[in-house]
Amino acid sequence: MRPLAHISLLSLILLVTGCALFVPEESRYLRSAQDQATQEDVLQRLGQPRSTATTQMGEAVWVYEVRSIEPMSQNSWATLGSWCSEYILTFDKSGILRQWTHKSYVHGGELMPLSCNSTVGVQKPAL
């Protein structure tokens, strides 16, 4: 029974750490920052957003796009494509991060569009 408990515990640890490897760095940061980070904190960590807006309720909305090219995607023999992750952050009137969403899009071999959510890209489940 004892070896089974050790194997179960080791399996659980490997599962948890393995899944963490596939969660984007931005998502890990935003999870820890929600309901406590200020706009200045987010600026220092993620840099300037791609765009900003203000809702009718006075909340600030920032949009970030993180782009990555698949290995060899610019090779004419193997056009695997590129990824674009879109993060939409909402700050309350006092400048605290209250909500965020993450969507990932894959663009299959064509040139990277101007916006992540263009009609060319296919939305993929975000981690």
N, C-alpha and C. Protein backbone atom coordinates (compact mmCIF):
# COMPACT_ATOMS: atom_id res chain seq x y z
N MET A 1 0.82 -1.20 0.00
CA MET A 1 0.00 0.00 0.00
C MET A 1 0.86 1.26 0.00
N ARG A 2 1.95 1.23 0.71
CA ARG A 2 2.81 2.40 0.81
C ARG A 2 3.40 2.80 -0.55
N PRO A 3 3.92 1.86 -1.34
CA PRO A 3 4.45 2.24 -2.65
C PRO A 3 3.37 2.85 -3.55
N LEU A 4 2.15 2.35 -3.44
CA LEU A 4 1.06 2.89 -4.24
C LEU A 4 0.79 4.36 -3.88
N ALA A 5 0.84 4.69 -2.60
CA ALA A 5 0.64 6.07 -2.16
C ALA A 5 1.75 6.97 -2.70
N HIS A 6 2.98 6.49 -2.69
CA HIS A 6 4.10 7.28 -3.21
C HIS A 6 3.96 7.50 -4.72
N ILE A 7 3.57 6.46 -5.41
CA ILE A 7 3.39 6.58 -6.87
C ILE A 7 2.25 7.54 -7.18
N SER A 8 1.16 7.46 -6.42
CA SER A 8 0.03 8.37 -6.63
C SER A 8 0.43 9.81 -6.39
N LEU A 9 1.16 10.05 -5.31
CA LEU A 9 1.60 11.40 -4.99
C LEU A 9 2.54 11.94 -6.07
N LEU A 10 3.48 11.12 -6.50
CA LEU A 10 4.40 11.53 -7.55
C LEU A 10 3.66 11.82 -8.86
N SER A 11 2.68 11.01 -9.19
CA SER A 11 1.89 11.23 -10.40
C SER A 11 1.14 12.55 -10.33
N LEU A 12 0.57 12.85 -9.17
CA LEU A 12 -0.15 14.10 -8.99
C LEU A 12 0.78 15.30 -9.14
N ILE A 13 1.95 15.23 -8.56
CA ILE A 13 2.93 16.32 -8.67
C ILE A 13 3.34 16.52 -10.12
N LEU A 14 3.61 15.45 -10.83
CA LEU A 14 3.99 15.55 -12.24
C LEU A 14 2.86 16.13 -13.09
N LEU A 15 1.63 15.75 -12.80
CA LEU A 15 0.49 16.27 -13.54
C LEU A 15 0.34 17.77 -13.34
N VAL A 16 0.42 18.21 -12.10
CA VAL A 16 0.26 19.64 -11.80
C VAL A 16 1.39 20.46 -12.42
N THR A 17 2.62 20.02 -12.27
CA THR A 17 3.74 20.79 -12.83
C THR A 17 3.75 20.71 -14.34
N GLY A 18 3.35 19.60 -14.90
CA GLY A 18 3.31 19.45 -16.36
C GLY A 18 2.30 20.39 -16.99
N CYS A 19 1.13 20.52 -16.38
CA CYS A 19 0.11 21.42 -16.91
C CYS A 19 0.55 22.87 -16.82
N ALA A 20 1.29 23.22 -15.79
CA ALA A 20 1.77 24.60 -15.63
C ALA A 20 2.71 25.00 -16.76
N LEU A 21 3.37 24.04 -17.36
CA LEU A 21 4.29 24.36 -18.45
C LEU A 21 3.56 24.87 -19.68
N PHE A 22 2.29 24.51 -19.84
CA PHE A 22 1.54 24.89 -21.03
C PHE A 22 0.68 26.12 -20.85
N VAL A 23 0.62 26.67 -19.64
CA VAL A 23 -0.14 27.89 -19.40
C VAL A 23 0.77 29.06 -19.71
N PRO A 24 0.33 29.97 -20.60
CA PRO A 24 1.18 31.10 -20.96
C PRO A 24 1.57 31.94 -19.75
N GLU A 25 2.75 32.51 -19.83
CA GLU A 25 3.27 33.34 -18.74
C GLU A 25 2.31 34.48 -18.41
N GLU A 26 1.73 35.10 -19.44
CA GLU A 26 0.80 36.20 -19.22
C GLU A 26 -0.42 35.74 -18.42
N SER A 27 -0.93 34.55 -18.73
CA SER A 27 -2.09 34.02 -17.99
C SER A 27 -1.74 33.74 -16.54
N ARG A 28 -0.57 33.19 -16.31
CA ARG A 28 -0.15 32.93 -14.92
C ARG A 28 -0.06 34.24 -14.14
N TYR A 29 0.52 35.26 -14.77
CA TYR A 29 0.64 36.55 -14.09
C TYR A 29 -0.75 37.14 -13.80
N LEU A 30 -1.62 37.14 -14.81
CA LEU A 30 -2.93 37.76 -14.64
C LEU A 30 -3.78 37.05 -13.59
N ARG A 31 -3.65 35.75 -13.49
CA ARG A 31 -4.37 35.01 -12.43
C ARG A 31 -3.95 35.50 -11.05
N SER A 32 -2.67 35.71 -10.88
CA SER A 32 -2.18 36.15 -9.57
C SER A 32 -2.44 37.64 -9.33
N ALA A 33 -2.60 38.40 -10.40
CA ALA A 33 -2.75 39.85 -10.28
C ALA A 33 -4.20 40.31 -10.15
N GLN A 34 -5.14 39.46 -10.53
CA GLN A 34 -6.55 39.87 -10.52
C GLN A 34 -6.98 40.31 -9.13
N ASP A 35 -7.71 41.41 -9.09
CA ASP A 35 -8.25 42.02 -7.86
C ASP A 35 -7.19 42.63 -6.96
N GLN A 36 -5.94 42.77 -7.44
CA GLN A 36 -4.93 43.43 -6.62
C GLN A 36 -3.96 44.30 -7.41
N ALA A 37 -3.68 43.97 -8.66
CA ALA A 37 -2.70 44.74 -9.43
C ALA A 37 -3.30 46.05 -9.93
N THR A 38 -2.48 47.09 -9.93
CA THR A 38 -2.89 48.38 -10.47
C THR A 38 -2.53 48.45 -11.95
N GLN A 39 -3.01 49.49 -12.61
CA GLN A 39 -2.65 49.69 -14.02
C GLN A 39 -1.14 49.83 -14.16
N GLU A 40 -0.52 50.51 -13.23
CA GLU A 40 0.94 50.68 -13.28
C GLU A 40 1.65 49.34 -13.13
N ASP A 41 1.16 48.48 -12.24
CA ASP A 41 1.74 47.14 -12.07
C ASP A 41 1.69 46.36 -13.38
N VAL A 42 0.54 46.40 -14.03
CA VAL A 42 0.35 45.67 -15.29
C VAL A 42 1.24 46.25 -16.38
N LEU A 43 1.33 47.57 -16.45
CA LEU A 43 2.21 48.21 -17.43
C LEU A 43 3.65 47.76 -17.25
N GLN A 44 4.10 47.70 -16.01
CA GLN A 44 5.48 47.27 -15.76
C GLN A 44 5.70 45.83 -16.16
N ARG A 45 4.70 44.99 -15.99
CA ARG A 45 4.86 43.56 -16.28
C ARG A 45 4.63 43.22 -17.75
N LEU A 46 3.58 43.80 -18.35
CA LEU A 46 3.20 43.42 -19.72
C LEU A 46 3.53 44.47 -20.77
N GLY A 47 3.92 45.67 -20.34
CA GLY A 47 4.23 46.72 -21.30
C GLY A 47 2.98 47.44 -21.78
N GLN A 48 3.14 48.23 -22.83
CA GLN A 48 2.02 49.02 -23.36
C GLN A 48 1.00 48.11 -24.05
N PRO A 49 -0.29 48.33 -23.80
CA PRO A 49 -1.31 47.54 -24.49
C PRO A 49 -1.41 47.94 -25.96
N ARG A 50 -1.97 47.05 -26.77
CA ARG A 50 -2.18 47.34 -28.19
C ARG A 50 -3.22 48.44 -28.36
N SER A 51 -4.27 48.39 -27.52
CA SER A 51 -5.30 49.43 -27.58
C SER A 51 -5.92 49.59 -26.19
N THR A 52 -6.55 50.74 -25.99
CA THR A 52 -7.23 51.02 -24.73
C THR A 52 -8.58 51.67 -25.04
N ALA A 53 -9.50 51.54 -24.10
CA ALA A 53 -10.82 52.16 -24.23
C ALA A 53 -11.37 52.36 -22.82
N THR A 54 -12.43 53.13 -22.72
CA THR A 54 -13.11 53.34 -21.45
C THR A 54 -14.59 53.02 -21.65
N THR A 55 -15.16 52.23 -20.73
CA THR A 55 -16.57 51.88 -20.83
C THR A 55 -17.42 53.05 -20.34
N GLN A 56 -18.74 52.95 -20.55
CA GLN A 56 -19.65 53.98 -20.07
C GLN A 56 -19.66 54.05 -18.55
N MET A 57 -19.28 52.96 -17.90
CA MET A 57 -19.23 52.91 -16.44
C MET A 57 -17.91 53.48 -15.91
N GLY A 58 -17.01 53.89 -16.79
CA GLY A 58 -15.74 54.46 -16.37
C GLY A 58 -14.63 53.46 -16.16
N GLU A 59 -14.84 52.21 -16.57
CA GLU A 59 -13.81 51.18 -16.44
C GLU A 59 -12.84 51.26 -17.62
N ALA A 60 -11.58 51.06 -17.34
CA ALA A 60 -10.57 51.04 -18.41
C ALA A 60 -10.47 49.62 -18.96
N VAL A 61 -10.43 49.51 -20.29
CA VAL A 61 -10.28 48.22 -20.95
C VAL A 61 -9.02 48.27 -21.80
N TRP A 62 -8.12 47.35 -21.53
CA TRP A 62 -6.86 47.27 -22.28
C TRP A 62 -6.82 45.97 -23.06
N VAL A 63 -6.30 46.04 -24.28
CA VAL A 63 -6.17 44.84 -25.12
C VAL A 63 -4.68 44.62 -25.41
N TYR A 64 -4.24 43.40 -25.10
CA TYR A 64 -2.87 42.98 -25.41
C TYR A 64 -2.93 41.87 -26.45
N GLU A 65 -1.95 41.83 -27.33
CA GLU A 65 -1.79 40.73 -28.27
C GLU A 65 -0.38 40.20 -28.17
N VAL A 66 -0.27 38.89 -28.00
CA VAL A 66 1.03 38.23 -27.92
C VAL A 66 1.10 37.29 -29.12
N ARG A 67 2.07 37.53 -29.98
CA ARG A 67 2.18 36.75 -31.22
C ARG A 67 3.40 35.85 -31.19
N SER A 68 3.25 34.69 -31.80
CA SER A 68 4.39 33.78 -31.92
C SER A 68 4.29 33.03 -33.24
N ILE A 69 5.45 32.74 -33.79
CA ILE A 69 5.55 32.03 -35.06
C ILE A 69 5.93 30.58 -34.77
N GLU A 70 5.22 29.66 -35.37
CA GLU A 70 5.59 28.25 -35.24
C GLU A 70 6.93 28.02 -35.91
N PRO A 71 7.74 27.13 -35.38
CA PRO A 71 9.02 26.84 -36.03
C PRO A 71 8.81 26.44 -37.49
N MET A 72 9.62 26.99 -38.35
CA MET A 72 9.62 26.72 -39.79
C MET A 72 8.36 27.22 -40.50
N SER A 73 7.55 28.08 -39.86
CA SER A 73 6.31 28.52 -40.50
C SER A 73 6.57 29.43 -41.69
N GLN A 74 7.75 30.02 -41.76
CA GLN A 74 8.07 30.88 -42.90
C GLN A 74 8.78 30.10 -44.00
N ASN A 75 8.92 28.81 -43.81
CA ASN A 75 9.52 27.93 -44.80
C ASN A 75 8.44 27.51 -45.78
N SER A 76 8.66 27.70 -47.07
CA SER A 76 7.62 27.40 -48.06
C SER A 76 7.28 25.92 -48.12
N TRP A 77 8.15 25.06 -47.59
CA TRP A 77 7.88 23.63 -47.61
C TRP A 77 7.01 23.20 -46.44
N ALA A 78 6.97 23.98 -45.41
CA ALA A 78 6.20 23.60 -44.22
C ALA A 78 5.58 24.83 -43.59
N THR A 79 4.42 25.24 -44.07
CA THR A 79 3.77 26.42 -43.52
C THR A 79 2.82 26.01 -42.40
N LEU A 80 3.36 25.96 -41.20
CA LEU A 80 2.58 25.53 -40.04
C LEU A 80 1.71 26.65 -39.49
N GLY A 81 2.13 27.88 -39.64
CA GLY A 81 1.32 28.99 -39.19
C GLY A 81 1.87 29.72 -37.99
N SER A 82 1.04 30.59 -37.45
CA SER A 82 1.44 31.42 -36.33
C SER A 82 0.29 31.50 -35.34
N TRP A 83 0.64 31.83 -34.10
CA TRP A 83 -0.33 31.96 -33.02
C TRP A 83 -0.44 33.41 -32.60
N CYS A 84 -1.63 33.78 -32.18
CA CYS A 84 -1.84 35.11 -31.62
C CYS A 84 -2.77 34.95 -30.41
N SER A 85 -2.30 35.38 -29.26
CA SER A 85 -3.11 35.34 -28.05
C SER A 85 -3.59 36.74 -27.74
N GLU A 86 -4.89 36.87 -27.51
CA GLU A 86 -5.49 38.16 -27.19
C GLU A 86 -5.92 38.17 -25.73
N TYR A 87 -5.47 39.17 -25.01
CA TYR A 87 -5.84 39.35 -23.61
C TYR A 87 -6.63 40.65 -23.50
N ILE A 88 -7.81 40.58 -22.90
CA ILE A 88 -8.62 41.77 -22.67
C ILE A 88 -8.72 41.96 -21.16
N LEU A 89 -8.21 43.08 -20.68
CA LEU A 89 -8.15 43.37 -19.24
C LEU A 89 -9.11 44.51 -18.92
N THR A 90 -9.82 44.37 -17.81
CA THR A 90 -10.74 45.41 -17.36
C THR A 90 -10.32 45.88 -15.97
N PHE A 91 -10.15 47.19 -15.84
CA PHE A 91 -9.78 47.82 -14.57
C PHE A 91 -10.96 48.63 -14.05
N ASP A 92 -11.17 48.62 -12.74
CA ASP A 92 -12.24 49.43 -12.17
C ASP A 92 -11.84 50.91 -12.17
N LYS A 93 -12.73 51.75 -11.67
CA LYS A 93 -12.47 53.20 -11.68
C LYS A 93 -11.24 53.59 -10.88
N SER A 94 -10.88 52.77 -9.89
CA SER A 94 -9.69 53.09 -9.09
C SER A 94 -8.42 52.51 -9.70
N GLY A 95 -8.53 51.86 -10.88
CA GLY A 95 -7.35 51.36 -11.57
C GLY A 95 -6.88 49.98 -11.16
N ILE A 96 -7.75 49.19 -10.52
CA ILE A 96 -7.40 47.83 -10.10
C ILE A 96 -7.91 46.83 -11.14
N LEU A 97 -7.06 45.87 -11.48
CA LEU A 97 -7.44 44.83 -12.45
C LEU A 97 -8.54 43.96 -11.84
N ARG A 98 -9.72 43.96 -12.46
CA ARG A 98 -10.85 43.20 -11.92
C ARG A 98 -11.21 41.98 -12.76
N GLN A 99 -10.95 42.04 -14.06
CA GLN A 99 -11.35 40.93 -14.92
C GLN A 99 -10.41 40.86 -16.11
N TRP A 100 -10.24 39.65 -16.65
CA TRP A 100 -9.44 39.49 -17.86
C TRP A 100 -9.90 38.24 -18.59
N THR A 101 -9.73 38.26 -19.91
CA THR A 101 -10.04 37.10 -20.73
C THR A 101 -8.86 36.82 -21.64
N HIS A 102 -8.77 35.58 -22.07
CA HIS A 102 -7.68 35.16 -22.97
C HIS A 102 -8.28 34.31 -24.08
N LYS A 103 -7.99 34.66 -25.31
CA LYS A 103 -8.38 33.86 -26.47
C LYS A 103 -7.15 33.66 -27.33
N SER A 104 -6.99 32.45 -27.83
CA SER A 104 -5.86 32.15 -28.72
C SER A 104 -6.38 31.86 -30.12
N TYR A 105 -5.67 32.36 -31.11
CA TYR A 105 -6.03 32.15 -32.51
C TYR A 105 -4.82 31.57 -33.23
N VAL A 106 -5.08 30.64 -34.14
CA VAL A 106 -4.01 30.11 -34.98
C VAL A 106 -4.29 30.58 -36.40
N HIS A 107 -3.25 31.03 -37.05
CA HIS A 107 -3.33 31.49 -38.43
C HIS A 107 -2.49 30.54 -39.26
N GLY A 108 -3.13 29.80 -40.15
CA GLY A 108 -2.49 28.68 -40.82
C GLY A 108 -1.64 29.00 -42.02
N GLY A 109 -0.50 29.57 -41.81
CA GLY A 109 0.47 29.72 -42.88
C GLY A 109 0.40 31.05 -43.61
N GLU A 110 -0.72 31.75 -43.53
CA GLU A 110 -0.80 33.05 -44.19
C GLU A 110 -0.04 34.09 -43.38
N LEU A 111 0.08 35.27 -43.92
CA LEU A 111 0.74 36.34 -43.18
C LEU A 111 -0.06 36.66 -41.93
N MET A 112 0.65 37.05 -40.89
CA MET A 112 -0.02 37.39 -39.63
C MET A 112 -0.91 38.61 -39.87
N PRO A 113 -2.20 38.51 -39.55
CA PRO A 113 -3.10 39.65 -39.76
C PRO A 113 -2.82 40.77 -38.76
N LEU A 114 -3.42 41.92 -39.02
CA LEU A 114 -3.23 43.06 -38.13
C LEU A 114 -3.80 42.82 -36.75
N SER A 115 -4.89 42.08 -36.66
CA SER A 115 -5.54 41.82 -35.39
C SER A 115 -5.64 40.32 -35.14
N CYS A 116 -5.50 39.93 -33.89
CA CYS A 116 -5.59 38.50 -33.54
C CYS A 116 -6.90 37.89 -34.00
N ASN A 117 -8.00 38.58 -33.77
CA ASN A 117 -9.31 38.00 -34.01
C ASN A 117 -9.85 38.27 -35.41
N SER A 118 -8.96 38.38 -36.38
CA SER A 118 -9.41 38.56 -37.77
C SER A 118 -10.18 37.34 -38.22
N THR A 119 -10.92 37.47 -39.29
CA THR A 119 -11.71 36.35 -39.80
C THR A 119 -10.84 35.25 -40.37
N VAL A 120 -9.57 35.52 -40.59
CA VAL A 120 -8.66 34.52 -41.13
C VAL A 120 -8.27 33.50 -40.07
N GLY A 121 -8.13 33.94 -38.83
CA GLY A 121 -7.67 33.06 -37.76
C GLY A 121 -8.76 32.14 -37.25
N VAL A 122 -8.36 31.03 -36.68
CA VAL A 122 -9.28 30.08 -36.08
C VAL A 122 -9.05 30.12 -34.57
N GLN A 123 -10.12 30.39 -33.83
CA GLN A 123 -9.97 30.47 -32.38
C GLN A 123 -9.71 29.09 -31.81
N LYS A 124 -8.74 29.02 -30.91
CA LYS A 124 -8.39 27.78 -30.23
C LYS A 124 -8.66 27.96 -28.74
N PRO A 125 -8.96 26.88 -28.03
CA PRO A 125 -9.20 27.01 -26.59
C PRO A 125 -7.97 27.57 -25.88
N ALA A 126 -8.19 28.55 -25.03
CA ALA A 126 -7.08 29.15 -24.27
C ALA A 126 -6.78 28.28 -23.07
N LEU A 127 -5.51 28.26 -22.69
CA LEU A 127 -5.11 27.49 -21.50
C LEU A 127 -5.17 28.36 -20.29
